[in-house]
């Protein structure tokens, strides 16, 4: 099947490679000509513009966009203006689900369908496949089923699949009308924040398990451990993460990646600890607030990311100032002082 791909970053390029490996014809475009040339060398048809890309495709055309959310709607409108009725635009980025709904309404008079395909798999997707959460008109989604099936992980040979479950066991699902795919992916990423935070916090407790063997400070500001003898475990964090991977109830792909990270860099010296958030966590909280659904774990995980970005620095300084003002408590310059 023929498919266009706009955006040849780490995700877009690997998705095009997986599609070509699956026998599909890819026509690719990126603002970076070197990215296009690299894909052409691997068998894709290259284009220097969206107009040229569409000219190389046979109607009805389908173009997959893997772009930053900030520019997705703008580029989609430009692309739709060059398309014909019956063509389809697939947004596989982390766009806000409401933008997909609004975009579909704007493009409806042109006869161009919008499919929002929430895509999870990261840089490993080329090998492992991509989990796809799809929203859009049923007919358009069905027509592109070969594309989704190729990108998705599928099932290992010999595995039995319950046909009543549809495509979900294969790693892709039509979640509903336009916007539904990004909504499901948004919540997926909100959960991801919480799971990551849980691993990080738990392993941090393990890291502190040897606190009883460390030098203790007995002062009013930082009380020593009440019973140091109970905290004298020199835990091998990488080994614990590794053993948890095997038949543990908290095993997961995220834990696999965590174990690998601790194995290669036990002290995580190459990381500064600033954790970015790309929007989906905020949007998940917004939806939860608007629908009245409590999400204390997800909200805590998002706010912890804000803290890592330095957004709590002023509040912490103000706390220190208040403590000094009411009690003369001098600010400690370091944990060991």
C-alpha atoms as a PDB file:
ATOM      1  CA  UNK A   1       0.000   0.000   0.000  1.00  0.00           C
ATOM      2  CA  UNK A   2       1.219   3.538  -0.684  1.00  0.00           C
ATOM      3  CA  UNK A   3       1.639   5.960   2.216  1.00  0.00           C
ATOM      4  CA  UNK A   4       3.132   9.426   2.560  1.00  0.00           C
ATOM      5  CA  UNK A   5       5.231  10.351   5.594  1.00  0.00           C
ATOM      6  CA  UNK A   6       5.890  13.922   6.712  1.00  0.00           C
ATOM      7  CA  UNK A   7       8.426  14.299   9.507  1.00  0.00           C
ATOM      8  CA  UNK A   8      11.478  12.059   9.467  1.00  0.00           C
ATOM      9  CA  UNK A   9      12.750  12.417  12.999  1.00  0.00           C
ATOM     10  CA  UNK A  10      13.544   9.387  15.131  1.00  0.00           C
ATOM     11  CA  UNK A  11       9.933   8.196  15.194  1.00  0.00           C
ATOM     12  CA  UNK A  12       8.849   9.116  11.663  1.00  0.00           C
ATOM     13  CA  UNK A  13      11.933   7.694   9.977  1.00  0.00           C
ATOM     14  CA  UNK A  14      11.712   4.400  11.855  1.00  0.00           C
ATOM     15  CA  UNK A  15       8.013   4.098  11.094  1.00  0.00           C
ATOM     16  CA  UNK A  16       8.744   4.577   7.384  1.00  0.00           C
ATOM     17  CA  UNK A  17      11.466   1.916   7.613  1.00  0.00           C
ATOM     18  CA  UNK A  18       9.076  -0.539   9.270  1.00  0.00           C
ATOM     19  CA  UNK A  19       6.435   0.143   6.628  1.00  0.00           C
ATOM     20  CA  UNK A  20       8.909  -0.387   3.785  1.00  0.00           C
ATOM     21  CA  UNK A  21      10.126  -3.600   5.409  1.00  0.00           C
ATOM     22  CA  UNK A  22       6.480  -4.678   5.421  1.00  0.00           C
ATOM     23  CA  UNK A  23       6.175  -4.157   1.670  1.00  0.00           C
ATOM     24  CA  UNK A  24       4.546  -0.713   1.585  1.00  0.00           C
ATOM     25  CA  UNK A  25       5.629   2.124  -0.707  1.00  0.00           C
ATOM     26  CA  UNK A  26       6.626   5.240   1.224  1.00  0.00           C
ATOM     27  CA  UNK A  27       6.798   8.751  -0.222  1.00  0.00           C
ATOM     28  CA  UNK A  28       8.614  10.921   2.292  1.00  0.00           C
ATOM     29  CA  UNK A  29       9.082  14.618   2.992  1.00  0.00           C
ATOM     30  CA  UNK A  30      10.936  16.537   5.684  1.00  0.00           C
ATOM     31  CA  UNK A  31      12.141  20.125   5.922  1.00  0.00           C
ATOM     32  CA  UNK A  32      15.614  18.642   6.395  1.00  0.00           C
ATOM     33  CA  UNK A  33      16.728  17.462   2.953  1.00  0.00           C
ATOM     34  CA  UNK A  34      19.383  15.201   4.487  1.00  0.00           C
ATOM     35  CA  UNK A  35      16.668  13.221   6.281  1.00  0.00           C
ATOM     36  CA  UNK A  36      14.858  12.730   2.982  1.00  0.00           C
ATOM     37  CA  UNK A  37      18.061  11.658   1.221  1.00  0.00           C
ATOM     38  CA  UNK A  38      18.767   9.098   3.951  1.00  0.00           C
ATOM     39  CA  UNK A  39      15.341   7.518   3.464  1.00  0.00           C
ATOM     40  CA  UNK A  40      15.661   7.552  -0.333  1.00  0.00           C
ATOM     41  CA  UNK A  41      18.903   5.606   0.062  1.00  0.00           C
ATOM     42  CA  UNK A  42      16.876   2.982   1.927  1.00  0.00           C
ATOM     43  CA  UNK A  43      14.198   2.641  -0.732  1.00  0.00           C
ATOM     44  CA  UNK A  44      11.697   5.454  -0.152  1.00  0.00           C
ATOM     45  CA  UNK A  45      10.529   7.948  -2.771  1.00  0.00           C
ATOM     46  CA  UNK A  46      11.701  11.389  -1.728  1.00  0.00           C
ATOM     47  CA  UNK A  47      10.023  14.764  -2.150  1.00  0.00           C
ATOM     48  CA  UNK A  48      11.276  18.307  -1.640  1.00  0.00           C
ATOM     49  CA  UNK A  49       7.810  19.674  -0.828  1.00  0.00           C
ATOM     50  CA  UNK A  50       4.340  18.550   0.121  1.00  0.00           C
ATOM     51  CA  UNK A  51       3.176  19.363  -3.412  1.00  0.00           C
ATOM     52  CA  UNK A  52       5.834  17.081  -4.886  1.00  0.00           C
ATOM     53  CA  UNK A  53       4.999  14.343  -2.391  1.00  0.00           C
ATOM     54  CA  UNK A  54       1.301  14.386  -3.294  1.00  0.00           C
ATOM     55  CA  UNK A  55       2.099  14.447  -7.016  1.00  0.00           C
ATOM     56  CA  UNK A  56       3.902  11.122  -6.613  1.00  0.00           C
ATOM     57  CA  UNK A  57       0.923   9.491  -4.928  1.00  0.00           C
ATOM     58  CA  UNK A  58      -2.165   7.809  -6.378  1.00  0.00           C
ATOM     59  CA  UNK A  59      -5.584   8.993  -5.078  1.00  0.00           C
ATOM     60  CA  UNK A  60      -7.143   8.385  -2.685  1.00  0.00           C
ATOM     61  CA  UNK A  61      -3.991   9.380  -0.832  1.00  0.00           C
ATOM     62  CA  UNK A  62      -3.036   8.902   2.802  1.00  0.00           C
ATOM     63  CA  UNK A  63      -0.312  10.975   4.459  1.00  0.00           C
ATOM     64  CA  UNK A  64       1.007  10.252   7.943  1.00  0.00           C
ATOM     65  CA  UNK A  65       2.419  13.201   9.905  1.00  0.00           C
ATOM     66  CA  UNK A  66       4.926  12.775  12.745  1.00  0.00           C
ATOM     67  CA  UNK A  67       5.409  16.387  13.806  1.00  0.00           C
ATOM     68  CA  UNK A  68       5.590  18.425  17.030  1.00  0.00           C
ATOM     69  CA  UNK A  69       2.126  19.181  18.386  1.00  0.00           C
ATOM     70  CA  UNK A  70       2.752  22.925  18.133  1.00  0.00           C
ATOM     71  CA  UNK A  71       2.854  22.866  14.332  1.00  0.00           C
ATOM     72  CA  UNK A  72       0.706  19.848  13.496  1.00  0.00           C
ATOM     73  CA  UNK A  73      -2.604  21.651  12.908  1.00  0.00           C
ATOM     74  CA  UNK A  74      -0.954  24.350  10.780  1.00  0.00           C
ATOM     75  CA  UNK A  75       0.826  21.840   8.564  1.00  0.00           C
ATOM     76  CA  UNK A  76      -2.313  19.671   8.348  1.00  0.00           C
ATOM     77  CA  UNK A  77      -4.358  22.620   7.069  1.00  0.00           C
ATOM     78  CA  UNK A  78      -1.687  23.443   4.490  1.00  0.00           C
ATOM     79  CA  UNK A  79      -1.564  19.816   3.398  1.00  0.00           C
ATOM     80  CA  UNK A  80      -5.351  19.517   3.199  1.00  0.00           C
ATOM     81  CA  UNK A  81      -5.447  22.550   0.926  1.00  0.00           C
ATOM     82  CA  UNK A  82      -3.380  20.576  -1.586  1.00  0.00           C
ATOM     83  CA  UNK A  83      -5.430  17.385  -1.299  1.00  0.00           C
ATOM     84  CA  UNK A  84      -8.602  16.081  -2.933  1.00  0.00           C
ATOM     85  CA  UNK A  85     -11.837  14.734  -1.529  1.00  0.00           C
ATOM     86  CA  UNK A  86     -11.309  11.199  -0.251  1.00  0.00           C
ATOM     87  CA  UNK A  87      -7.725  11.802   0.877  1.00  0.00           C
ATOM     88  CA  UNK A  88      -6.725  11.145   4.487  1.00  0.00           C
ATOM     89  CA  UNK A  89      -4.347  12.830   6.906  1.00  0.00           C
ATOM     90  CA  UNK A  90      -3.073  10.733   9.823  1.00  0.00           C
ATOM     91  CA  UNK A  91      -1.630  12.563  12.817  1.00  0.00           C
ATOM     92  CA  UNK A  92       0.610  10.196  14.747  1.00  0.00           C
ATOM     93  CA  UNK A  93       2.161  12.797  17.052  1.00  0.00           C
ATOM     94  CA  UNK A  94       1.250  13.760  20.600  1.00  0.00           C
ATOM     95  CA  UNK A  95      -1.330  16.368  19.633  1.00  0.00           C
ATOM     96  CA  UNK A  96      -4.125  17.571  21.908  1.00  0.00           C
ATOM     97  CA  UNK A  97      -7.237  15.524  21.168  1.00  0.00           C
ATOM     98  CA  UNK A  98      -9.390  18.644  20.920  1.00  0.00           C
ATOM     99  CA  UNK A  99      -7.196  19.932  18.103  1.00  0.00           C
ATOM    100  CA  UNK A 100      -7.985  16.771  16.120  1.00  0.00           C
ATOM    101  CA  UNK A 101     -11.726  17.290  16.626  1.00  0.00           C
ATOM    102  CA  UNK A 102     -11.515  20.936  15.567  1.00  0.00           C
ATOM    103  CA  UNK A 103      -9.320  20.095  12.584  1.00  0.00           C
ATOM    104  CA  UNK A 104     -11.748  17.419  11.381  1.00  0.00           C
ATOM    105  CA  UNK A 105     -14.591  19.947  11.459  1.00  0.00           C
ATOM    106  CA  UNK A 106     -12.544  22.503   9.523  1.00  0.00           C
ATOM    107  CA  UNK A 107     -11.541  20.032   6.816  1.00  0.00           C
ATOM    108  CA  UNK A 108     -14.907  18.322   6.420  1.00  0.00           C
ATOM    109  CA  UNK A 109     -16.008  20.688   3.590  1.00  0.00           C
ATOM    110  CA  UNK A 110     -12.892  19.612   1.649  1.00  0.00           C
ATOM    111  CA  UNK A 111     -13.761  15.932   1.992  1.00  0.00           C
ATOM    112  CA  UNK A 112     -10.425  15.254   3.675  1.00  0.00           C
ATOM    113  CA  UNK A 113     -10.601  12.891   6.667  1.00  0.00           C
ATOM    114  CA  UNK A 114      -8.500  13.239   9.796  1.00  0.00           C
ATOM    115  CA  UNK A 115      -7.307  10.142  11.632  1.00  0.00           C
ATOM    116  CA  UNK A 116      -5.598  10.691  14.971  1.00  0.00           C
ATOM    117  CA  UNK A 117      -3.291   7.781  15.702  1.00  0.00           C
ATOM    118  CA  UNK A 118      -1.790   7.922  19.171  1.00  0.00           C
ATOM    119  CA  UNK A 119       1.544   6.142  18.756  1.00  0.00           C
ATOM    120  CA  UNK A 120       3.570   4.535  21.533  1.00  0.00           C
ATOM    121  CA  UNK A 121       6.829   2.676  21.086  1.00  0.00           C
ATOM    122  CA  UNK A 122       9.507   5.339  20.983  1.00  0.00           C
ATOM    123  CA  UNK A 123      12.871   4.617  19.405  1.00  0.00           C
ATOM    124  CA  UNK A 124      12.300   0.865  19.883  1.00  0.00           C
ATOM    125  CA  UNK A 125       9.277   0.778  17.616  1.00  0.00           C
ATOM    126  CA  UNK A 126      11.191  -0.185  14.481  1.00  0.00           C
ATOM    127  CA  UNK A 127      12.063  -3.520  16.067  1.00  0.00           C
ATOM    128  CA  UNK A 128       9.211  -4.038  18.539  1.00  0.00           C
ATOM    129  CA  UNK A 129       6.373  -2.383  16.654  1.00  0.00           C
ATOM    130  CA  UNK A 130       4.152   0.500  17.716  1.00  0.00           C
ATOM    131  CA  UNK A 131       1.064   0.402  19.901  1.00  0.00           C
ATOM    132  CA  UNK A 132      -1.549   2.425  18.002  1.00  0.00           C
ATOM    133  CA  UNK A 133      -4.622   4.093  19.496  1.00  0.00           C
ATOM    134  CA  UNK A 134      -6.697   5.265  16.537  1.00  0.00           C
ATOM    135  CA  UNK A 135      -9.535   7.733  16.173  1.00  0.00           C
ATOM    136  CA  UNK A 136     -11.357   8.660  12.982  1.00  0.00           C
ATOM    137  CA  UNK A 137     -14.091   7.747  10.496  1.00  0.00           C
ATOM    138  CA  UNK A 138     -14.619   3.995  10.393  1.00  0.00           C
ATOM    139  CA  UNK A 139     -14.351   3.715   6.606  1.00  0.00           C
ATOM    140  CA  UNK A 140     -11.046   5.603   6.444  1.00  0.00           C
ATOM    141  CA  UNK A 141      -9.593   3.600   9.330  1.00  0.00           C
ATOM    142  CA  UNK A 142     -10.644   0.314   7.715  1.00  0.00           C
ATOM    143  CA  UNK A 143      -9.069   1.291   4.385  1.00  0.00           C
ATOM    144  CA  UNK A 144      -5.742   1.923   6.117  1.00  0.00           C
ATOM    145  CA  UNK A 145      -5.837  -1.278   8.168  1.00  0.00           C
ATOM    146  CA  UNK A 146      -2.813  -2.763   6.290  1.00  0.00           C
ATOM    147  CA  UNK A 147      -0.741   0.246   7.383  1.00  0.00           C
ATOM    148  CA  UNK A 148      -1.773  -0.030  11.021  1.00  0.00           C
ATOM    149  CA  UNK A 149      -1.267  -3.801  11.034  1.00  0.00           C
ATOM    150  CA  UNK A 150       2.289  -3.426   9.716  1.00  0.00           C
ATOM    151  CA  UNK A 151       3.256  -0.747  12.238  1.00  0.00           C
ATOM    152  CA  UNK A 152       1.735  -2.642  15.175  1.00  0.00           C
ATOM    153  CA  UNK A 153       3.652  -5.378  17.032  1.00  0.00           C
ATOM    154  CA  UNK A 154       1.365  -8.217  15.943  1.00  0.00           C
ATOM    155  CA  UNK A 155       1.592 -11.493  17.838  1.00  0.00           C
ATOM    156  CA  UNK A 156       4.453 -13.989  18.044  1.00  0.00           C
ATOM    157  CA  UNK A 157       4.146 -16.992  15.706  1.00  0.00           C
ATOM    158  CA  UNK A 158       2.029 -19.736  17.196  1.00  0.00           C
ATOM    159  CA  UNK A 159       0.194 -17.400  19.573  1.00  0.00           C
ATOM    160  CA  UNK A 160      -3.566 -17.882  19.737  1.00  0.00           C
ATOM    161  CA  UNK A 161      -5.654 -14.721  19.334  1.00  0.00           C
ATOM    162  CA  UNK A 162      -9.270 -14.380  20.407  1.00  0.00           C
ATOM    163  CA  UNK A 163     -11.037 -13.025  17.321  1.00  0.00           C
ATOM    164  CA  UNK A 164     -13.720 -11.508  19.548  1.00  0.00           C
ATOM    165  CA  UNK A 165     -11.135  -9.030  20.834  1.00  0.00           C
ATOM    166  CA  UNK A 166     -10.614  -7.604  17.361  1.00  0.00           C
ATOM    167  CA  UNK A 167      -7.272  -5.987  16.621  1.00  0.00           C
ATOM    168  CA  UNK A 168      -6.390  -5.057  20.226  1.00  0.00           C
ATOM    169  CA  UNK A 169      -4.262  -8.190  20.820  1.00  0.00           C
ATOM    170  CA  UNK A 170      -2.304  -7.246  17.687  1.00  0.00           C
ATOM    171  CA  UNK A 171      -1.353  -3.888  19.179  1.00  0.00           C
ATOM    172  CA  UNK A 172      -3.723  -1.470  17.456  1.00  0.00           C
ATOM    173  CA  UNK A 173      -7.284  -0.369  18.122  1.00  0.00           C
ATOM    174  CA  UNK A 174      -9.878   1.885  16.544  1.00  0.00           C
ATOM    175  CA  UNK A 175     -10.948   3.707  19.705  1.00  0.00           C
ATOM    176  CA  UNK A 176     -13.773   5.798  18.243  1.00  0.00           C
ATOM    177  CA  UNK A 177     -14.385   8.961  16.181  1.00  0.00           C
ATOM    178  CA  UNK A 178     -11.747  11.581  15.470  1.00  0.00           C
ATOM    179  CA  UNK A 179     -10.140  12.682  18.730  1.00  0.00           C
ATOM    180  CA  UNK A 180     -10.631   9.350  20.501  1.00  0.00           C
ATOM    181  CA  UNK A 181      -7.190   8.080  19.548  1.00  0.00           C
ATOM    182  CA  UNK A 182      -5.356  11.073  20.967  1.00  0.00           C
ATOM    183  CA  UNK A 183      -7.599  11.039  24.048  1.00  0.00           C
ATOM    184  CA  UNK A 184      -6.658   7.428  24.817  1.00  0.00           C
ATOM    185  CA  UNK A 185      -2.975   8.168  24.122  1.00  0.00           C
ATOM    186  CA  UNK A 186      -3.164  11.245  26.363  1.00  0.00           C
ATOM    187  CA  UNK A 187      -4.384   9.134  29.283  1.00  0.00           C
ATOM    188  CA  UNK A 188      -1.776   6.479  28.404  1.00  0.00           C
ATOM    189  CA  UNK A 189       0.952   9.093  28.822  1.00  0.00           C
ATOM    190  CA  UNK A 190      -0.576  10.359  32.060  1.00  0.00           C
ATOM    191  CA  UNK A 191      -0.382   6.810  33.406  1.00  0.00           C
ATOM    192  CA  UNK A 192       3.178   6.596  32.111  1.00  0.00           C
ATOM    193  CA  UNK A 193       4.094   9.600  34.290  1.00  0.00           C
ATOM    194  CA  UNK A 194       2.685   7.826  37.346  1.00  0.00           C
ATOM    195  CA  UNK A 195       4.351   4.477  36.667  1.00  0.00           C
ATOM    196  CA  UNK A 196       7.717   6.120  36.059  1.00  0.00           C
ATOM    197  CA  UNK A 197       7.389   8.131  39.273  1.00  0.00           C
ATOM    198  CA  UNK A 198       6.539   4.993  41.249  1.00  0.00           C
ATOM    199  CA  UNK A 199       9.646   3.183  40.021  1.00  0.00           C
ATOM    200  CA  UNK A 200      11.826   6.229  40.656  1.00  0.00           C
ATOM    201  CA  UNK A 201      10.517   6.809  44.179  1.00  0.00           C
ATOM    202  CA  UNK A 202      10.671   3.154  45.193  1.00  0.00           C
ATOM    203  CA  UNK A 203      14.217   2.667  43.946  1.00  0.00           C
ATOM    204  CA  UNK A 204      15.204   5.894  45.700  1.00  0.00           C
ATOM    205  CA  UNK A 205      14.003   4.332  48.988  1.00  0.00           C
ATOM    206  CA  UNK A 206      16.231   1.338  48.236  1.00  0.00           C
ATOM    207  CA  UNK A 207      19.129   3.721  47.608  1.00  0.00           C
ATOM    208  CA  UNK A 208      18.613   5.153  51.113  1.00  0.00           C
ATOM    209  CA  UNK A 209      18.534   1.709  52.738  1.00  0.00           C
ATOM    210  CA  UNK A 210      22.153   2.130  53.882  1.00  0.00           C
ATOM    211  CA  UNK A 211      21.469   5.408  55.689  1.00  0.00           C
ATOM    212  CA  UNK A 212      22.220   3.787  59.051  1.00  0.00           C
ATOM    213  CA  UNK A 213      25.816   3.242  58.013  1.00  0.00           C
ATOM    214  CA  UNK A 214      26.282   6.869  56.998  1.00  0.00           C
ATOM    215  CA  UNK A 215      27.403   9.639  59.304  1.00  0.00           C
ATOM    216  CA  UNK A 216      24.407  10.887  61.297  1.00  0.00           C
ATOM    217  CA  UNK A 217      23.809  14.456  62.340  1.00  0.00           C
ATOM    218  CA  UNK A 218      22.110  15.055  65.647  1.00  0.00           C
ATOM    219  CA  UNK A 219      20.589  18.496  65.547  1.00  0.00           C
ATOM    220  CA  UNK A 220      17.163  20.019  65.661  1.00  0.00           C
ATOM    221  CA  UNK A 221      17.076  20.683  61.956  1.00  0.00           C
ATOM    222  CA  UNK A 222      17.895  17.217  60.664  1.00  0.00           C
ATOM    223  CA  UNK A 223      17.051  14.487  63.138  1.00  0.00           C
ATOM    224  CA  UNK A 224      19.207  11.346  62.940  1.00  0.00           C
ATOM    225  CA  UNK A 225      17.747   7.941  62.259  1.00  0.00           C
ATOM    226  CA  UNK A 226      15.996   6.702  65.371  1.00  0.00           C
ATOM    227  CA  UNK A 227      17.263   3.147  64.829  1.00  0.00           C
ATOM    228  CA  UNK A 228      20.265   3.161  62.453  1.00  0.00           C
ATOM    229  CA  UNK A 229      20.713  -0.599  62.804  1.00  0.00           C
ATOM    230  CA  UNK A 230      17.587  -1.110  60.701  1.00  0.00           C
ATOM    231  CA  UNK A 231      19.051   0.779  57.738  1.00  0.00           C
ATOM    232  CA  UNK A 232      22.334  -0.922  56.949  1.00  0.00           C
ATOM    233  CA  UNK A 233      21.522  -2.588  53.605  1.00  0.00           C
ATOM    234  CA  UNK A 234      23.912  -1.907  50.765  1.00  0.00           C
ATOM    235  CA  UNK A 235      21.374  -2.749  48.049  1.00  0.00           C
ATOM    236  CA  UNK A 236      22.554  -3.375  44.486  1.00  0.00           C
ATOM    237  CA  UNK A 237      19.938  -1.289  42.674  1.00  0.00           C
ATOM    238  CA  UNK A 238      20.735  -2.644  39.215  1.00  0.00           C
ATOM    239  CA  UNK A 239      20.444  -6.228  40.464  1.00  0.00           C
ATOM    240  CA  UNK A 240      17.127  -5.550  42.201  1.00  0.00           C
ATOM    241  CA  UNK A 241      15.690  -3.918  39.090  1.00  0.00           C
ATOM    242  CA  UNK A 242      16.890  -6.928  37.120  1.00  0.00           C
ATOM    243  CA  UNK A 243      15.329  -9.519  39.418  1.00  0.00           C
ATOM    244  CA  UNK A 244      12.030  -7.620  39.463  1.00  0.00           C
ATOM    245  CA  UNK A 245      11.878  -7.988  35.687  1.00  0.00           C
ATOM    246  CA  UNK A 246      11.407 -11.752  35.984  1.00  0.00           C
ATOM    247  CA  UNK A 247       7.832 -12.794  36.842  1.00  0.00           C
ATOM    248  CA  UNK A 248       7.388  -9.980  39.353  1.00  0.00           C
ATOM    249  CA  UNK A 249       3.950  -8.345  39.528  1.00  0.00           C
ATOM    250  CA  UNK A 250       5.606  -4.992  38.783  1.00  0.00           C
ATOM    251  CA  UNK A 251       7.517  -6.204  35.745  1.00  0.00           C
ATOM    252  CA  UNK A 252       7.072  -4.056  32.619  1.00  0.00           C
ATOM    253  CA  UNK A 253       8.929  -2.683  29.644  1.00  0.00           C
ATOM    254  CA  UNK A 254       9.606   0.500  31.635  1.00  0.00           C
ATOM    255  CA  UNK A 255      11.241  -1.652  34.311  1.00  0.00           C
ATOM    256  CA  UNK A 256      13.308  -3.363  31.610  1.00  0.00           C
ATOM    257  CA  UNK A 257      14.589   0.049  30.515  1.00  0.00           C
ATOM    258  CA  UNK A 258      15.193   1.054  34.142  1.00  0.00           C
ATOM    259  CA  UNK A 259      17.270  -2.066  34.762  1.00  0.00           C
ATOM    260  CA  UNK A 260      19.340  -1.363  31.653  1.00  0.00           C
ATOM    261  CA  UNK A 261      19.919   2.247  32.723  1.00  0.00           C
ATOM    262  CA  UNK A 262      21.110   1.240  36.215  1.00  0.00           C
ATOM    263  CA  UNK A 263      23.294  -1.497  34.766  1.00  0.00           C
ATOM    264  CA  UNK A 264      25.143   0.860  32.415  1.00  0.00           C
ATOM    265  CA  UNK A 265      25.303   3.846  34.805  1.00  0.00           C
ATOM    266  CA  UNK A 266      24.611   2.766  38.440  1.00  0.00           C
ATOM    267  CA  UNK A 267      24.951   6.293  39.825  1.00  0.00           C
ATOM    268  CA  UNK A 268      23.095   7.881  36.897  1.00  0.00           C
ATOM    269  CA  UNK A 269      25.973  10.356  36.651  1.00  0.00           C
ATOM    270  CA  UNK A 270      25.112  11.233  33.068  1.00  0.00           C
ATOM    271  CA  UNK A 271      21.706  12.645  34.074  1.00  0.00           C
ATOM    272  CA  UNK A 272      20.935  15.923  35.787  1.00  0.00           C
ATOM    273  CA  UNK A 273      17.471  15.012  37.052  1.00  0.00           C
ATOM    274  CA  UNK A 274      15.472  17.601  35.130  1.00  0.00           C
ATOM    275  CA  UNK A 275      12.393  15.769  33.843  1.00  0.00           C
ATOM    276  CA  UNK A 276      10.444  17.443  31.051  1.00  0.00           C
ATOM    277  CA  UNK A 277       6.730  17.107  30.410  1.00  0.00           C
ATOM    278  CA  UNK A 278       5.443  17.304  26.865  1.00  0.00           C
ATOM    279  CA  UNK A 279       1.828  18.241  27.550  1.00  0.00           C
ATOM    280  CA  UNK A 280      -0.082  14.979  27.802  1.00  0.00           C
ATOM    281  CA  UNK A 281       0.123  14.829  31.601  1.00  0.00           C
ATOM    282  CA  UNK A 282      -1.340  18.322  31.882  1.00  0.00           C
ATOM    283  CA  UNK A 283      -4.106  17.492  29.413  1.00  0.00           C
ATOM    284  CA  UNK A 284      -4.953  14.318  31.333  1.00  0.00           C
ATOM    285  CA  UNK A 285      -5.349  16.339  34.532  1.00  0.00           C
ATOM    286  CA  UNK A 286      -7.474  18.893  32.702  1.00  0.00           C
ATOM    287  CA  UNK A 287      -9.807  16.149  31.464  1.00  0.00           C
ATOM    288  CA  UNK A 288      -9.943  14.589  34.932  1.00  0.00           C
ATOM    289  CA  UNK A 289     -10.854  17.922  36.525  1.00  0.00           C
ATOM    290  CA  UNK A 290     -13.508  18.683  33.926  1.00  0.00           C
ATOM    291  CA  UNK A 291     -15.096  15.244  34.290  1.00  0.00           C
ATOM    292  CA  UNK A 292     -14.712  15.117  38.076  1.00  0.00           C
ATOM    293  CA  UNK A 293     -12.438  12.061  38.129  1.00  0.00           C
ATOM    294  CA  UNK A 294      -9.876  11.910  40.980  1.00  0.00           C
ATOM    295  CA  UNK A 295      -6.308  11.248  39.795  1.00  0.00           C
ATOM    296  CA  UNK A 296      -4.042  11.865  42.821  1.00  0.00           C
ATOM    297  CA  UNK A 297      -1.206   9.657  41.573  1.00  0.00           C
ATOM    298  CA  UNK A 298      -1.110  11.168  38.090  1.00  0.00           C
ATOM    299  CA  UNK A 299      -1.296  14.728  39.423  1.00  0.00           C
ATOM    300  CA  UNK A 300       1.488  14.064  41.934  1.00  0.00           C
ATOM    301  CA  UNK A 301       3.691  12.642  39.174  1.00  0.00           C
ATOM    302  CA  UNK A 302       3.135  15.704  36.993  1.00  0.00           C
ATOM    303  CA  UNK A 303       3.846  18.142  39.825  1.00  0.00           C
ATOM    304  CA  UNK A 304       7.031  16.236  40.657  1.00  0.00           C
ATOM    305  CA  UNK A 305       8.189  16.913  37.106  1.00  0.00           C
ATOM    306  CA  UNK A 306       7.524  20.612  37.642  1.00  0.00           C
ATOM    307  CA  UNK A 307       9.658  20.428  40.792  1.00  0.00           C
ATOM    308  CA  UNK A 308      12.512  18.805  38.857  1.00  0.00           C
ATOM    309  CA  UNK A 309      12.374  21.697  36.399  1.00  0.00           C
ATOM    310  CA  UNK A 310      13.079  24.201  39.183  1.00  0.00           C
ATOM    311  CA  UNK A 311       9.514  25.446  39.498  1.00  0.00           C
ATOM    312  CA  UNK A 312       9.546  24.817  43.274  1.00  0.00           C
ATOM    313  CA  UNK A 313      12.761  26.763  43.926  1.00  0.00           C
ATOM    314  CA  UNK A 314      11.093  30.052  44.826  1.00  0.00           C
ATOM    315  CA  UNK A 315       8.518  28.339  47.053  1.00  0.00           C
ATOM    316  CA  UNK A 316      11.330  26.523  48.880  1.00  0.00           C
ATOM    317  CA  UNK A 317      13.227  29.784  49.353  1.00  0.00           C
ATOM    318  CA  UNK A 318      10.072  31.367  50.768  1.00  0.00           C
ATOM    319  CA  UNK A 319       9.620  28.461  53.186  1.00  0.00           C
ATOM    320  CA  UNK A 320      13.186  28.948  54.340  1.00  0.00           C
ATOM    321  CA  UNK A 321      12.589  32.692  54.757  1.00  0.00           C
ATOM    322  CA  UNK A 322       9.459  32.087  56.850  1.00  0.00           C
ATOM    323  CA  UNK A 323      11.253  29.599  59.110  1.00  0.00           C
ATOM    324  CA  UNK A 324      13.992  32.122  59.717  1.00  0.00           C
ATOM    325  CA  UNK A 325      11.463  34.892  60.347  1.00  0.00           C
ATOM    326  CA  UNK A 326       9.417  33.076  62.980  1.00  0.00           C
ATOM    327  CA  UNK A 327      12.086  30.924  64.612  1.00  0.00           C
ATOM    328  CA  UNK A 328      15.490  32.201  63.603  1.00  0.00           C
ATOM    329  CA  UNK A 329      16.223  28.915  61.854  1.00  0.00           C
ATOM    330  CA  UNK A 330      19.322  29.321  59.736  1.00  0.00           C
ATOM    331  CA  UNK A 331      19.296  27.685  56.336  1.00  0.00           C
ATOM    332  CA  UNK A 332      21.575  24.676  56.064  1.00  0.00           C
ATOM    333  CA  UNK A 333      24.040  24.839  53.175  1.00  0.00           C
ATOM    334  CA  UNK A 334      24.218  21.103  52.757  1.00  0.00           C
ATOM    335  CA  UNK A 335      22.740  17.904  54.132  1.00  0.00           C
ATOM    336  CA  UNK A 336      25.931  17.029  56.003  1.00  0.00           C
ATOM    337  CA  UNK A 337      26.303  20.383  57.807  1.00  0.00           C
END
